[in-house]
Protein backbone atom coordinates (compact mmCIF):
# COMPACT_ATOMS: atom_id res chain seq x y z
CA MET A 1 0.00 0.00 0.00
CA ILE A 2 1.24 3.48 -0.90
CA GLU A 3 0.27 6.50 1.19
CA LEU A 4 0.17 10.04 -0.17
CA SER A 5 -0.74 13.31 1.50
CA CYS A 6 -1.00 17.00 0.80
CA HIS A 7 1.60 19.28 2.41
CA CYS A 8 -0.38 19.90 5.59
CA ALA A 9 -1.61 16.26 5.73
CA LYS A 10 -5.28 17.21 6.02
CA ILE A 11 -5.88 15.07 2.92
CA LYS A 12 -4.43 11.58 2.83
CA ILE A 13 -4.81 9.08 0.04
CA THR A 14 -3.95 5.40 -0.02
CA VAL A 15 -3.56 3.34 -3.17
CA PRO A 16 -3.15 -0.43 -3.22
CA ASP A 17 0.30 -0.43 -4.76
CA THR A 18 2.64 1.72 -6.74
CA THR A 19 2.37 2.12 -10.49
CA ASP A 20 4.92 1.62 -13.25
CA THR A 21 4.15 4.94 -14.93
CA VAL A 22 2.76 8.38 -14.20
CA THR A 23 1.50 10.89 -16.73
CA SER A 24 2.63 14.47 -17.19
CA CYS A 25 0.03 16.24 -19.33
CA ASN A 26 0.44 19.60 -21.06
CA CYS A 27 -3.24 20.51 -21.32
CA SER A 28 -4.29 23.94 -20.09
CA ILE A 29 -4.96 22.82 -16.51
CA CYS A 30 -2.48 20.00 -15.95
CA SER A 31 0.42 22.15 -17.14
CA ARG A 32 -0.53 24.71 -14.48
CA TYR A 33 -0.98 22.09 -11.77
CA ALA A 34 2.33 20.33 -12.65
CA SER A 35 0.82 17.09 -11.40
CA LEU A 36 2.09 13.63 -12.19
CA TRP A 37 -1.03 11.51 -12.54
CA ALA A 38 -1.21 7.86 -11.53
CA TYR A 39 -4.41 6.11 -12.59
CA PHE A 40 -6.43 3.62 -10.56
CA ASN A 41 -9.93 2.24 -10.29
CA PRO A 42 -11.86 4.47 -7.84
CA LYS A 43 -12.82 1.38 -5.84
CA ASP A 44 -9.13 0.86 -5.03
CA ILE A 45 -8.50 4.38 -3.71
CA ASN A 46 -9.14 5.63 -0.20
CA VAL A 47 -9.30 9.41 0.27
CA ILE A 48 -9.21 10.40 3.93
CA ALA A 49 -10.30 13.99 4.43
CA ASN A 50 -12.94 16.11 6.08
CA LYS A 51 -15.36 17.38 3.47
CA GLU A 52 -14.72 20.98 4.49
CA ASP A 53 -10.99 20.56 3.70
CA LEU A 54 -11.56 19.53 0.08
CA GLY A 55 -11.97 22.09 -2.68
CA ALA A 56 -13.21 21.07 -6.12
CA TYR A 57 -12.96 22.42 -9.65
CA CYS A 58 -14.68 21.18 -12.78
CA TYR A 59 -14.50 22.78 -16.22
CA GLY A 60 -14.62 22.09 -19.95
CA ASP A 61 -16.45 18.91 -20.91
CA LYS A 62 -17.32 18.26 -17.23
CA THR A 63 -16.02 14.67 -17.21
CA ILE A 64 -13.63 15.04 -14.26
CA ILE A 65 -13.50 17.01 -11.02
CA PHE A 66 -10.12 18.14 -9.68
CA TYR A 67 -9.69 18.20 -5.89
CA HIS A 68 -7.30 20.22 -3.78
CA CYS A 69 -6.65 20.92 -0.12
CA LYS A 70 -8.30 24.16 0.98
CA ASN A 71 -5.58 24.68 3.58
CA CYS A 72 -2.28 24.12 1.72
CA ALA A 73 -3.66 24.22 -1.87
CA CYS A 74 -2.03 20.98 -3.06
CA ILE A 75 -3.80 19.31 -5.99
CA THR A 76 -4.53 15.82 -4.67
CA HIS A 77 -6.62 13.87 -7.18
CA TYR A 78 -9.36 13.90 -9.73
CA MET A 79 -12.53 11.85 -9.95
CA PRO A 80 -14.90 11.14 -12.81
CA THR A 81 -18.24 12.91 -12.93
CA ASP A 82 -21.42 11.14 -14.04
CA ARG A 83 -20.26 11.92 -17.59
CA GLY A 84 -16.73 10.54 -17.14
CA ASN A 85 -15.00 7.15 -17.07
CA LYS A 86 -16.29 5.65 -13.83
CA HIS A 87 -13.49 3.08 -13.78
CA ARG A 88 -10.61 5.56 -13.73
CA MET A 89 -9.44 8.03 -11.13
CA ALA A 90 -6.15 9.91 -10.97
CA VAL A 91 -3.97 10.57 -7.94
CA ASN A 92 -1.24 13.20 -7.94
CA PHE A 93 1.84 11.06 -7.39
CA ARG A 94 3.91 14.14 -6.54
CA LEU A 95 2.31 13.71 -3.09
CA THR A 96 4.13 10.46 -2.42
CA THR A 97 7.68 10.09 -1.12
CA PRO A 98 10.61 10.95 -3.39
CA GLU A 99 11.77 7.34 -3.06
CA THR A 100 8.49 6.05 -4.48
CA LEU A 101 8.24 8.72 -7.16
CA ASN A 102 11.77 7.98 -8.36
CA THR A 103 10.79 4.39 -9.18
CA VAL A 104 8.17 5.26 -11.81
CA LYS A 105 8.57 6.23 -15.45
CA VAL A 106 7.12 9.59 -16.48
CA ARG A 107 5.08 9.47 -19.68
CA TYR A 108 4.39 12.77 -21.45
CA PHE A 109 0.91 13.27 -22.85
CA ASP A 110 0.04 15.98 -25.36
CA GLY A 111 -3.37 16.96 -24.01
CA ALA A 112 -3.02 20.41 -25.60
CA ASP A 113 -2.96 19.37 -29.27
CA SER A 114 -2.62 15.80 -30.53
CA TRP A 115 -4.15 13.93 -27.58
CA GLN A 116 -1.35 11.34 -27.84
CA PHE A 117 1.62 10.29 -25.77
CA ILE A 118 4.77 12.11 -26.83
CA ASN A 119 7.42 9.67 -25.59
CA GLU A 120 6.04 6.27 -26.57
């Protein structure tokens, strides 16, 4: 089990295991967030937070909702909306330990133009 947390630790996330790859996306929002997304089935993720500590943001095609800590502002994860892929959720792997993060390969996704991986 891998544990992740925002800077102030008000939001903690556990995932069943590490992942082989994370995704760095250059779309308009991910490039600003600088997140490294690891994807899991939502059933396998445990987000531990008080509701009042979680902020949410949804835009564009309204298929995902980005969550952040209202206290320290770290982007923690995103979840599918009713319109999104209900079997996929992303966790910001920058919130794990450097030792864990250093074991995964970063894949670069062109979410701004071609909607394809750049370094395949």
